[in-house]
Amino acid sequence: MDKNLKGVVAVVTGSSRGAGKGIALALGAEGATVYVTGRSLKEGDAQLPGTISATADEVTKAGGRGIAVAVDHAKDGDVKALFERVQQEQGRLDILVNNATFLHEQLIDKGGFWTKPLELVDILDVGLRSAYVASWYAAPLMVAQKNGLIAFTSSFGSSCYMHGPAYGAQKSGVDKFAKDMGVDLRPHNVAAASIWMGMLRTDRTRRVMDAEPQKYAGFWEIAETPEFTGHVISALYRDPKRAEKSGQVLIGAELALEYGLTDEGRQPPSHRAMLGGPQQAHPAIVE
């Protein structure tokens, strides 16, 4: 892997496992220093495998430098301390990936939202509010250096019905963060963008598919690796015309096609035709 991100400092929130881990590994493979955040300090802290230290070690083995930082993204003080540490240790921040998201175990259960636990709405705390807080602390570092990218991991659930209203509101919310933060950051050469991911090859997805193999037959073959989005984010950060995409909601598979990226030799499909596409911001600006 080319060291496209040598000297680049990144923070990937919620990267003990899943999409966040894959993004952190991809950025590390391209040479970045990656701060890996999350709450899982030892195996067994969560129902799925993965810890921040294990991800950080893999980032380093991949060719970057992984730094594990225990952060509860429901606690603003933890987030503040994280970015103070980044500033102190690195003196810069180039990429923030807002990925930390609360996913309830009953998220994909069938039934109306009122039949599921009220706690599903906690995704609006860790997932939506937490992304705003992390961006609020990251923005001054990027503005000061006149460079940076704030990326949000999102999905087609922003447009179509997917997993219920709380999930959809979180995805729509981070998309709107990208649109409006893009306006505020534009004069400072800092970009903001939301990336719609497809189905991912994660431990969580594997568990769901194994439980209903007939229902999900063929889906694993077209699913994206978690690393794929990381390489897309890297290409976006390095794009000399990055500013033109700031404030936009982008489908990762389509952006990869534009940048000539593949996923382990495959070209992941865009699900726009089946699930709908993103609606971009109206150009009007009301101060």
C-alpha atoms as a PDB file:
ATOM      1  CA  MET A   1       0.000   0.000   0.000  1.00  0.00           C
ATOM      2  CA  ASP A   2       1.329   3.426  -0.951  1.00  0.00           C
ATOM      3  CA  LYS A   3       1.947   5.742   1.989  1.00  0.00           C
ATOM      4  CA  ASN A   4      -0.475   8.369   0.700  1.00  0.00           C
ATOM      5  CA  LEU A   5      -1.192   9.620   4.206  1.00  0.00           C
ATOM      6  CA  LYS A   6       2.289   9.784   5.664  1.00  0.00           C
ATOM      7  CA  GLY A   7       2.361  12.641   8.172  1.00  0.00           C
ATOM      8  CA  VAL A   8      -1.432  12.805   8.344  1.00  0.00           C
ATOM      9  CA  VAL A   9      -3.121  12.662  11.754  1.00  0.00           C
ATOM     10  CA  ALA A  10      -6.604  11.149  12.001  1.00  0.00           C
ATOM     11  CA  VAL A  11      -9.183  10.434  14.681  1.00  0.00           C
ATOM     12  CA  VAL A  12     -11.658   7.618  14.037  1.00  0.00           C
ATOM     13  CA  THR A  13     -14.375   7.470  16.666  1.00  0.00           C
ATOM     14  CA  GLY A  14     -15.945   4.175  17.643  1.00  0.00           C
ATOM     15  CA  SER A  15     -13.203   2.047  16.111  1.00  0.00           C
ATOM     16  CA  SER A  16     -12.988  -0.993  18.377  1.00  0.00           C
ATOM     17  CA  ARG A  17     -14.765  -3.023  15.706  1.00  0.00           C
ATOM     18  CA  GLY A  18     -16.932  -2.839  12.609  1.00  0.00           C
ATOM     19  CA  ALA A  19     -16.833   0.088  10.217  1.00  0.00           C
ATOM     20  CA  GLY A  20     -14.692   2.221  12.514  1.00  0.00           C
ATOM     21  CA  LYS A  21     -12.034  -0.461  12.854  1.00  0.00           C
ATOM     22  CA  GLY A  22     -11.903  -0.985   9.099  1.00  0.00           C
ATOM     23  CA  ILE A  23     -11.596   2.746   8.426  1.00  0.00           C
ATOM     24  CA  ALA A  24      -8.811   3.055  11.000  1.00  0.00           C
ATOM     25  CA  LEU A  25      -6.923   0.123   9.449  1.00  0.00           C
ATOM     26  CA  ALA A  26      -7.257   1.563   5.951  1.00  0.00           C
ATOM     27  CA  LEU A  27      -5.946   4.964   7.016  1.00  0.00           C
ATOM     28  CA  GLY A  28      -3.113   3.257   8.877  1.00  0.00           C
ATOM     29  CA  ALA A  29      -2.231   1.139   5.862  1.00  0.00           C
ATOM     30  CA  GLU A  30      -1.769   4.393   3.947  1.00  0.00           C
ATOM     31  CA  GLY A  31       0.637   5.667   6.592  1.00  0.00           C
ATOM     32  CA  ALA A  32      -1.532   7.820   8.865  1.00  0.00           C
ATOM     33  CA  THR A  33      -1.276   8.243  12.601  1.00  0.00           C
ATOM     34  CA  VAL A  34      -4.693   7.150  13.814  1.00  0.00           C
ATOM     35  CA  TYR A  35      -6.277   7.805  17.195  1.00  0.00           C
ATOM     36  CA  VAL A  36      -8.596   4.869  17.873  1.00  0.00           C
ATOM     37  CA  THR A  37     -11.446   5.668  20.269  1.00  0.00           C
ATOM     38  CA  GLY A  38     -14.067   3.596  22.017  1.00  0.00           C
ATOM     39  CA  ARG A  39     -15.074   2.041  25.314  1.00  0.00           C
ATOM     40  CA  SER A  40     -13.917  -1.553  24.810  1.00  0.00           C
ATOM     41  CA  LEU A  41     -10.720  -1.995  26.779  1.00  0.00           C
ATOM     42  CA  LYS A  42     -10.741  -5.783  27.011  1.00  0.00           C
ATOM     43  CA  GLU A  43     -12.503  -8.627  25.238  1.00  0.00           C
ATOM     44  CA  GLY A  44     -15.889  -9.202  26.810  1.00  0.00           C
ATOM     45  CA  ASP A  45     -16.643  -5.518  27.345  1.00  0.00           C
ATOM     46  CA  ALA A  46     -19.068  -5.816  24.439  1.00  0.00           C
ATOM     47  CA  GLN A  47     -21.078  -8.653  22.917  1.00  0.00           C
ATOM     48  CA  LEU A  48     -18.973  -8.540  19.774  1.00  0.00           C
ATOM     49  CA  PRO A  49     -15.181  -8.995  19.672  1.00  0.00           C
ATOM     50  CA  GLY A  50     -12.793  -6.057  19.447  1.00  0.00           C
ATOM     51  CA  THR A  51     -10.946  -3.544  21.617  1.00  0.00           C
ATOM     52  CA  ILE A  52      -9.354  -0.160  21.017  1.00  0.00           C
ATOM     53  CA  SER A  53      -5.872  -1.503  21.803  1.00  0.00           C
ATOM     54  CA  ALA A  54      -6.258  -4.404  19.378  1.00  0.00           C
ATOM     55  CA  THR A  55      -7.338  -2.031  16.604  1.00  0.00           C
ATOM     56  CA  ALA A  56      -4.465   0.354  17.395  1.00  0.00           C
ATOM     57  CA  ASP A  57      -1.980  -2.528  17.230  1.00  0.00           C
ATOM     58  CA  GLU A  58      -3.362  -3.587  13.851  1.00  0.00           C
ATOM     59  CA  VAL A  59      -3.118  -0.016  12.564  1.00  0.00           C
ATOM     60  CA  THR A  60       0.573  -0.010  13.475  1.00  0.00           C
ATOM     61  CA  LYS A  61       1.143  -3.424  11.904  1.00  0.00           C
ATOM     62  CA  ALA A  62      -0.571  -2.173   8.745  1.00  0.00           C
ATOM     63  CA  GLY A  63       2.044   0.549   8.361  1.00  0.00           C
ATOM     64  CA  GLY A  64       0.677   3.507  10.275  1.00  0.00           C
ATOM     65  CA  ARG A  65       0.743   4.415  13.933  1.00  0.00           C
ATOM     66  CA  GLY A  66      -2.212   3.419  16.058  1.00  0.00           C
ATOM     67  CA  ILE A  67      -2.937   5.182  19.344  1.00  0.00           C
ATOM     68  CA  ALA A  68      -5.736   3.798  21.525  1.00  0.00           C
ATOM     69  CA  VAL A  69      -7.680   6.289  23.637  1.00  0.00           C
ATOM     70  CA  ALA A  70     -10.546   5.224  25.893  1.00  0.00           C
ATOM     71  CA  VAL A  71     -13.439   7.570  25.158  1.00  0.00           C
ATOM     72  CA  ASP A  72     -17.082   7.346  26.108  1.00  0.00           C
ATOM     73  CA  HIS A  73     -18.635   9.509  23.416  1.00  0.00           C
ATOM     74  CA  ALA A  74     -21.641  10.122  25.645  1.00  0.00           C
ATOM     75  CA  LYS A  75     -19.343  12.155  27.906  1.00  0.00           C
ATOM     76  CA  ASP A  76     -18.250  15.543  26.584  1.00  0.00           C
ATOM     77  CA  GLY A  77     -15.344  15.626  29.015  1.00  0.00           C
ATOM     78  CA  ASP A  78     -13.859  12.483  27.483  1.00  0.00           C
ATOM     79  CA  VAL A  79     -14.115  14.013  24.022  1.00  0.00           C
ATOM     80  CA  LYS A  80     -12.546  17.282  25.129  1.00  0.00           C
ATOM     81  CA  ALA A  81      -9.626  15.398  26.679  1.00  0.00           C
ATOM     82  CA  LEU A  82      -9.155  13.396  23.477  1.00  0.00           C
ATOM     83  CA  PHE A  83      -8.677  16.439  21.263  1.00  0.00           C
ATOM     84  CA  GLU A  84      -6.515  18.176  23.832  1.00  0.00           C
ATOM     85  CA  ARG A  85      -4.273  15.118  23.734  1.00  0.00           C
ATOM     86  CA  VAL A  86      -4.165  15.134  19.934  1.00  0.00           C
ATOM     87  CA  GLN A  87      -3.199  18.806  19.981  1.00  0.00           C
ATOM     88  CA  GLN A  88      -0.532  18.241  22.619  1.00  0.00           C
ATOM     89  CA  GLU A  89       0.996  15.138  21.031  1.00  0.00           C
ATOM     90  CA  GLN A  90       0.676  15.950  17.325  1.00  0.00           C
ATOM     91  CA  GLY A  91       0.084  19.692  17.044  1.00  0.00           C
ATOM     92  CA  ARG A  92      -2.365  19.044  14.227  1.00  0.00           C
ATOM     93  CA  LEU A  93      -5.425  17.110  13.105  1.00  0.00           C
ATOM     94  CA  ASP A  94      -6.128  16.386   9.463  1.00  0.00           C
ATOM     95  CA  ILE A  95      -9.009  13.902   9.382  1.00  0.00           C
ATOM     96  CA  LEU A  96     -11.888  13.276  11.777  1.00  0.00           C
ATOM     97  CA  VAL A  97     -14.157  10.334  11.029  1.00  0.00           C
ATOM     98  CA  ASN A  98     -17.357  10.505  13.076  1.00  0.00           C
ATOM     99  CA  ASN A  99     -18.344   6.874  13.299  1.00  0.00           C
ATOM    100  CA  ALA A 100     -19.204   6.190  16.962  1.00  0.00           C
ATOM    101  CA  THR A 101     -22.831   5.057  17.051  1.00  0.00           C
ATOM    102  CA  PHE A 102     -25.048   3.335  19.590  1.00  0.00           C
ATOM    103  CA  LEU A 103     -26.657   0.283  17.977  1.00  0.00           C
ATOM    104  CA  HIS A 104     -29.212  -1.497  20.140  1.00  0.00           C
ATOM    105  CA  GLU A 105     -29.324  -5.289  19.925  1.00  0.00           C
ATOM    106  CA  GLN A 106     -32.994  -5.109  18.911  1.00  0.00           C
ATOM    107  CA  LEU A 107     -32.434  -2.491  16.213  1.00  0.00           C
ATOM    108  CA  ILE A 108     -33.366  -4.804  13.345  1.00  0.00           C
ATOM    109  CA  ASP A 109     -36.197  -6.638  15.093  1.00  0.00           C
ATOM    110  CA  LYS A 110     -39.522  -6.517  13.277  1.00  0.00           C
ATOM    111  CA  GLY A 111     -42.310  -4.342  14.634  1.00  0.00           C
ATOM    112  CA  GLY A 112     -43.272  -0.731  15.137  1.00  0.00           C
ATOM    113  CA  PHE A 113     -40.920   1.588  16.992  1.00  0.00           C
ATOM    114  CA  TRP A 114     -43.254   1.598  20.007  1.00  0.00           C
ATOM    115  CA  THR A 115     -42.895  -2.180  20.374  1.00  0.00           C
ATOM    116  CA  LYS A 116     -39.125  -1.951  20.741  1.00  0.00           C
ATOM    117  CA  PRO A 117     -37.145  -0.665  23.739  1.00  0.00           C
ATOM    118  CA  LEU A 118     -37.163   3.095  24.211  1.00  0.00           C
ATOM    119  CA  GLU A 119     -33.356   2.918  24.415  1.00  0.00           C
ATOM    120  CA  LEU A 120     -33.155   2.675  20.614  1.00  0.00           C
ATOM    121  CA  VAL A 121     -33.439   6.469  20.654  1.00  0.00           C
ATOM    122  CA  ASP A 122     -30.039   6.656  22.369  1.00  0.00           C
ATOM    123  CA  ILE A 123     -28.546   6.655  18.860  1.00  0.00           C
ATOM    124  CA  LEU A 124     -29.439  10.354  18.882  1.00  0.00           C
ATOM    125  CA  ASP A 125     -26.996  10.772  21.776  1.00  0.00           C
ATOM    126  CA  VAL A 126     -24.102   8.577  20.698  1.00  0.00           C
ATOM    127  CA  GLY A 127     -24.332   8.785  16.944  1.00  0.00           C
ATOM    128  CA  LEU A 128     -25.780  12.243  16.379  1.00  0.00           C
ATOM    129  CA  ARG A 129     -24.998  14.564  19.278  1.00  0.00           C
ATOM    130  CA  SER A 130     -21.626  12.894  19.800  1.00  0.00           C
ATOM    131  CA  ALA A 131     -20.657  13.623  16.200  1.00  0.00           C
ATOM    132  CA  TYR A 132     -21.455  17.301  16.703  1.00  0.00           C
ATOM    133  CA  VAL A 133     -19.379  17.423  19.891  1.00  0.00           C
ATOM    134  CA  ALA A 134     -16.365  15.731  18.281  1.00  0.00           C
ATOM    135  CA  SER A 135     -16.597  18.066  15.286  1.00  0.00           C
ATOM    136  CA  TRP A 136     -16.873  21.078  17.612  1.00  0.00           C
ATOM    137  CA  TYR A 137     -13.578  20.172  19.248  1.00  0.00           C
ATOM    138  CA  ALA A 138     -11.867  19.146  16.002  1.00  0.00           C
ATOM    139  CA  ALA A 139     -12.818  22.179  13.916  1.00  0.00           C
ATOM    140  CA  PRO A 140     -10.568  24.725  15.695  1.00  0.00           C
ATOM    141  CA  LEU A 141      -7.511  22.535  15.115  1.00  0.00           C
ATOM    142  CA  MET A 142      -8.278  22.250  11.416  1.00  0.00           C
ATOM    143  CA  VAL A 143      -9.258  25.885  10.966  1.00  0.00           C
ATOM    144  CA  ALA A 144      -5.990  26.986  12.575  1.00  0.00           C
ATOM    145  CA  GLN A 145      -3.961  24.999  10.044  1.00  0.00           C
ATOM    146  CA  LYS A 146      -6.266  25.835   7.101  1.00  0.00           C
ATOM    147  CA  ASN A 147      -6.645  22.161   6.214  1.00  0.00           C
ATOM    148  CA  GLY A 148      -8.768  19.189   7.163  1.00  0.00           C
ATOM    149  CA  LEU A 149     -11.668  16.847   6.494  1.00  0.00           C
ATOM    150  CA  ILE A 150     -14.551  15.986   8.797  1.00  0.00           C
ATOM    151  CA  ALA A 151     -16.279  12.839   7.545  1.00  0.00           C
ATOM    152  CA  PHE A 152     -19.467  11.231   8.807  1.00  0.00           C
ATOM    153  CA  THR A 153     -20.321   7.578   8.223  1.00  0.00           C
ATOM    154  CA  SER A 154     -23.936   7.343   7.101  1.00  0.00           C
ATOM    155  CA  SER A 155     -26.192   5.078   5.098  1.00  0.00           C
ATOM    156  CA  PHE A 156     -29.127   4.778   2.723  1.00  0.00           C
ATOM    157  CA  GLY A 157     -31.278   4.755   5.868  1.00  0.00           C
ATOM    158  CA  SER A 158     -31.103   8.533   5.625  1.00  0.00           C
ATOM    159  CA  SER A 159     -33.397   8.337   2.608  1.00  0.00           C
ATOM    160  CA  CYS A 160     -35.431   5.128   2.813  1.00  0.00           C
ATOM    161  CA  TYR A 161     -37.054   3.353   5.748  1.00  0.00           C
ATOM    162  CA  MET A 162     -34.320   1.339   7.424  1.00  0.00           C
ATOM    163  CA  HIS A 163     -34.378  -0.054  10.963  1.00  0.00           C
ATOM    164  CA  GLY A 164     -36.960   2.453  12.176  1.00  0.00           C
ATOM    165  CA  PRO A 165     -37.247   6.193  12.816  1.00  0.00           C
ATOM    166  CA  ALA A 166     -34.446   6.646  15.362  1.00  0.00           C
ATOM    167  CA  TYR A 167     -31.871   5.093  13.042  1.00  0.00           C
ATOM    168  CA  GLY A 168     -33.173   7.117  10.112  1.00  0.00           C
ATOM    169  CA  ALA A 169     -33.116  10.359  12.088  1.00  0.00           C
ATOM    170  CA  GLN A 170     -29.494   9.783  13.097  1.00  0.00           C
ATOM    171  CA  LYS A 171     -28.420   9.194   9.519  1.00  0.00           C
ATOM    172  CA  SER A 172     -30.386  12.189   8.249  1.00  0.00           C
ATOM    173  CA  GLY A 173     -28.907  14.241  11.073  1.00  0.00           C
ATOM    174  CA  VAL A 174     -25.260  13.549  10.297  1.00  0.00           C
ATOM    175  CA  ASP A 175     -25.967  14.217   6.629  1.00  0.00           C
ATOM    176  CA  LYS A 176     -27.298  17.635   7.606  1.00  0.00           C
ATOM    177  CA  PHE A 177     -24.248  18.210   9.820  1.00  0.00           C
ATOM    178  CA  ALA A 178     -22.045  17.670   6.765  1.00  0.00           C
ATOM    179  CA  LYS A 179     -24.098  20.080   4.666  1.00  0.00           C
ATOM    180  CA  ASP A 180     -24.140  22.899   7.206  1.00  0.00           C
ATOM    181  CA  MET A 181     -20.639  22.423   8.616  1.00  0.00           C
ATOM    182  CA  GLY A 182     -19.441  22.569   5.036  1.00  0.00           C
ATOM    183  CA  VAL A 183     -20.835  26.102   4.798  1.00  0.00           C
ATOM    184  CA  ASP A 184     -19.150  27.237   8.009  1.00  0.00           C
ATOM    185  CA  LEU A 185     -15.810  25.599   7.158  1.00  0.00           C
ATOM    186  CA  ARG A 186     -15.608  26.622   3.499  1.00  0.00           C
ATOM    187  CA  PRO A 187     -13.579  29.844   4.061  1.00  0.00           C
ATOM    188  CA  HIS A 188     -10.965  27.865   6.016  1.00  0.00           C
ATOM    189  CA  ASN A 189     -10.098  25.138   3.463  1.00  0.00           C
ATOM    190  CA  VAL A 190     -11.683  22.521   5.702  1.00  0.00           C
ATOM    191  CA  ALA A 191     -14.187  20.116   4.159  1.00  0.00           C
ATOM    192  CA  ALA A 192     -17.111  18.211   5.612  1.00  0.00           C
ATOM    193  CA  ALA A 193     -18.821  15.277   3.909  1.00  0.00           C
ATOM    194  CA  SER A 194     -21.123  12.416   4.758  1.00  0.00           C
ATOM    195  CA  ILE A 195     -20.405   9.010   3.234  1.00  0.00           C
ATOM    196  CA  TRP A 196     -23.168   6.485   2.647  1.00  0.00           C
ATOM    197  CA  MET A 197     -21.820   2.987   3.165  1.00  0.00           C
ATOM    198  CA  GLY A 198     -23.401  -0.165   1.808  1.00  0.00           C
ATOM    199  CA  MET A 199     -23.833  -3.404   3.718  1.00  0.00           C
ATOM    200  CA  LEU A 200     -20.552  -4.182   5.471  1.00  0.00           C
ATOM    201  CA  ARG A 201     -18.662  -7.395   6.118  1.00  0.00           C
ATOM    202  CA  THR A 202     -18.531  -7.063   9.894  1.00  0.00           C
ATOM    203  CA  ASP A 203     -18.943  -9.485  12.786  1.00  0.00           C
ATOM    204  CA  ARG A 204     -22.368  -7.958  13.450  1.00  0.00           C
ATOM    205  CA  THR A 205     -23.483  -8.503   9.852  1.00  0.00           C
ATOM    206  CA  ARG A 206     -22.106 -12.050   9.834  1.00  0.00           C
ATOM    207  CA  ARG A 207     -24.077 -12.871  12.968  1.00  0.00           C
ATOM    208  CA  VAL A 208     -27.293 -11.534  11.430  1.00  0.00           C
ATOM    209  CA  MET A 209     -26.756 -13.407   8.178  1.00  0.00           C
ATOM    210  CA  ASP A 210     -25.913 -16.663   9.916  1.00  0.00           C
ATOM    211  CA  ALA A 211     -29.190 -16.428  11.844  1.00  0.00           C
ATOM    212  CA  GLU A 212     -31.224 -16.180   8.617  1.00  0.00           C
ATOM    213  CA  PRO A 213     -29.045 -17.563   5.810  1.00  0.00           C
ATOM    214  CA  GLN A 214     -31.855 -17.904   3.260  1.00  0.00           C
ATOM    215  CA  LYS A 215     -33.021 -14.329   3.748  1.00  0.00           C
ATOM    216  CA  TYR A 216     -29.531 -12.933   3.189  1.00  0.00           C
ATOM    217  CA  ALA A 217     -28.306 -15.350   0.515  1.00  0.00           C
ATOM    218  CA  GLY A 218     -25.872 -13.566  -1.807  1.00  0.00           C
ATOM    219  CA  PHE A 219     -25.599 -10.411   0.304  1.00  0.00           C
ATOM    220  CA  TRP A 220     -22.178 -11.207   1.793  1.00  0.00           C
ATOM    221  CA  GLU A 221     -20.704 -11.458  -1.689  1.00  0.00           C
ATOM    222  CA  ILE A 222     -21.695  -7.887  -2.588  1.00  0.00           C
ATOM    223  CA  ALA A 223     -21.059  -6.382   0.854  1.00  0.00           C
ATOM    224  CA  GLU A 224     -18.249  -3.869   1.312  1.00  0.00           C
ATOM    225  CA  THR A 225     -15.250  -4.528   3.514  1.00  0.00           C
ATOM    226  CA  PRO A 226     -15.014  -2.091   6.430  1.00  0.00           C
ATOM    227  CA  GLU A 227     -11.645  -0.945   5.045  1.00  0.00           C
ATOM    228  CA  PHE A 228     -13.257   0.184   1.790  1.00  0.00           C
ATOM    229  CA  THR A 229     -14.785   3.336   3.280  1.00  0.00           C
ATOM    230  CA  GLY A 230     -11.424   4.225   4.830  1.00  0.00           C
ATOM    231  CA  HIS A 231      -9.728   4.211   1.446  1.00  0.00           C
ATOM    232  CA  VAL A 232     -12.585   6.292   0.007  1.00  0.00           C
ATOM    233  CA  ILE A 233     -12.128   8.842   2.796  1.00  0.00           C
ATOM    234  CA  SER A 234      -8.384   8.905   2.141  1.00  0.00           C
ATOM    235  CA  ALA A 235      -8.946   9.581  -1.559  1.00  0.00           C
ATOM    236  CA  LEU A 236     -11.413  12.347  -0.725  1.00  0.00           C
ATOM    237  CA  TYR A 237      -8.951  13.959   1.684  1.00  0.00           C
ATOM    238  CA  ARG A 238      -6.194  13.863  -0.959  1.00  0.00           C
ATOM    239  CA  ASP A 239      -8.430  15.156  -3.762  1.00  0.00           C
ATOM    240  CA  PRO A 240      -7.076  18.563  -4.885  1.00  0.00           C
ATOM    241  CA  LYS A 241     -10.704  19.486  -5.604  1.00  0.00           C
ATOM    242  CA  ARG A 242     -11.876  18.313  -2.195  1.00  0.00           C
ATOM    243  CA  ALA A 243     -13.550  21.668  -1.522  1.00  0.00           C
ATOM    244  CA  GLU A 244     -15.979  21.056  -4.383  1.00  0.00           C
ATOM    245  CA  LYS A 245     -17.378  18.034  -2.537  1.00  0.00           C
ATOM    246  CA  SER A 246     -17.549  19.739   0.839  1.00  0.00           C
ATOM    247  CA  GLY A 247     -21.060  19.966   2.225  1.00  0.00           C
ATOM    248  CA  GLN A 248     -22.218  17.007   0.162  1.00  0.00           C
ATOM    249  CA  VAL A 249     -23.671  13.607   0.972  1.00  0.00           C
ATOM    250  CA  LEU A 250     -21.803  11.034  -1.089  1.00  0.00           C
ATOM    251  CA  ILE A 251     -22.350   7.363  -1.850  1.00  0.00           C
ATOM    252  CA  GLY A 252     -19.075   5.596  -1.078  1.00  0.00           C
ATOM    253  CA  ALA A 253     -19.359   3.102  -3.947  1.00  0.00           C
ATOM    254  CA  GLU A 254     -19.926   5.918  -6.458  1.00  0.00           C
ATOM    255  CA  LEU A 255     -17.068   7.984  -5.071  1.00  0.00           C
ATOM    256  CA  ALA A 256     -14.793   4.953  -5.316  1.00  0.00           C
ATOM    257  CA  LEU A 257     -15.680   4.581  -8.977  1.00  0.00           C
ATOM    258  CA  GLU A 258     -14.789   8.225  -9.560  1.00  0.00           C
ATOM    259  CA  TYR A 259     -11.424   7.773  -7.821  1.00  0.00           C
ATOM    260  CA  GLY A 260     -10.650   4.431  -9.460  1.00  0.00           C
ATOM    261  CA  LEU A 261     -10.818   2.462  -6.208  1.00  0.00           C
ATOM    262  CA  THR A 262     -11.869  -1.153  -5.853  1.00  0.00           C
ATOM    263  CA  ASP A 263     -12.620  -3.287  -2.826  1.00  0.00           C
ATOM    264  CA  GLU A 264     -10.364  -6.335  -2.844  1.00  0.00           C
ATOM    265  CA  GLY A 265     -10.545  -6.250  -6.631  1.00  0.00           C
ATOM    266  CA  ARG A 266     -14.344  -5.863  -6.729  1.00  0.00           C
ATOM    267  CA  GLN A 267     -16.407  -2.821  -7.591  1.00  0.00           C
ATOM    268  CA  PRO A 268     -19.057  -2.570  -4.863  1.00  0.00           C
ATOM    269  CA  PRO A 269     -22.488  -1.665  -6.228  1.00  0.00           C
ATOM    270  CA  SER A 270     -24.257   1.578  -5.526  1.00  0.00           C
ATOM    271  CA  HIS A 271     -27.727   0.873  -4.173  1.00  0.00           C
ATOM    272  CA  ARG A 272     -29.131   4.173  -5.426  1.00  0.00           C
ATOM    273  CA  ALA A 273     -31.616   2.546  -7.817  1.00  0.00           C
ATOM    274  CA  MET A 274     -33.053   0.314  -5.099  1.00  0.00           C
ATOM    275  CA  LEU A 275     -32.804   2.489  -1.973  1.00  0.00           C
ATOM    276  CA  GLY A 276     -32.691   6.043  -3.284  1.00  0.00           C
ATOM    277  CA  GLY A 277     -29.977   8.652  -3.434  1.00  0.00           C
ATOM    278  CA  PRO A 278     -28.976  11.570  -1.244  1.00  0.00           C
ATOM    279  CA  GLN A 279     -30.624  14.962  -1.477  1.00  0.00           C
ATOM    280  CA  GLN A 280     -28.048  17.718  -1.544  1.00  0.00           C
ATOM    281  CA  ALA A 281     -28.415  21.010   0.285  1.00  0.00           C
ATOM    282  CA  HIS A 282     -30.284  23.904  -1.282  1.00  0.00           C
ATOM    283  CA  PRO A 283     -27.794  26.695  -2.086  1.00  0.00           C
ATOM    284  CA  ALA A 284     -29.671  29.280  -0.034  1.00  0.00           C
ATOM    285  CA  ILE A 285     -27.853  30.452   3.109  1.00  0.00           C
ATOM    286  CA  VAL A 286     -29.813  32.192   5.846  1.00  0.00           C
ATOM    287  CA  GLU A 287     -27.548  33.769   8.440  1.00  0.00           C
END
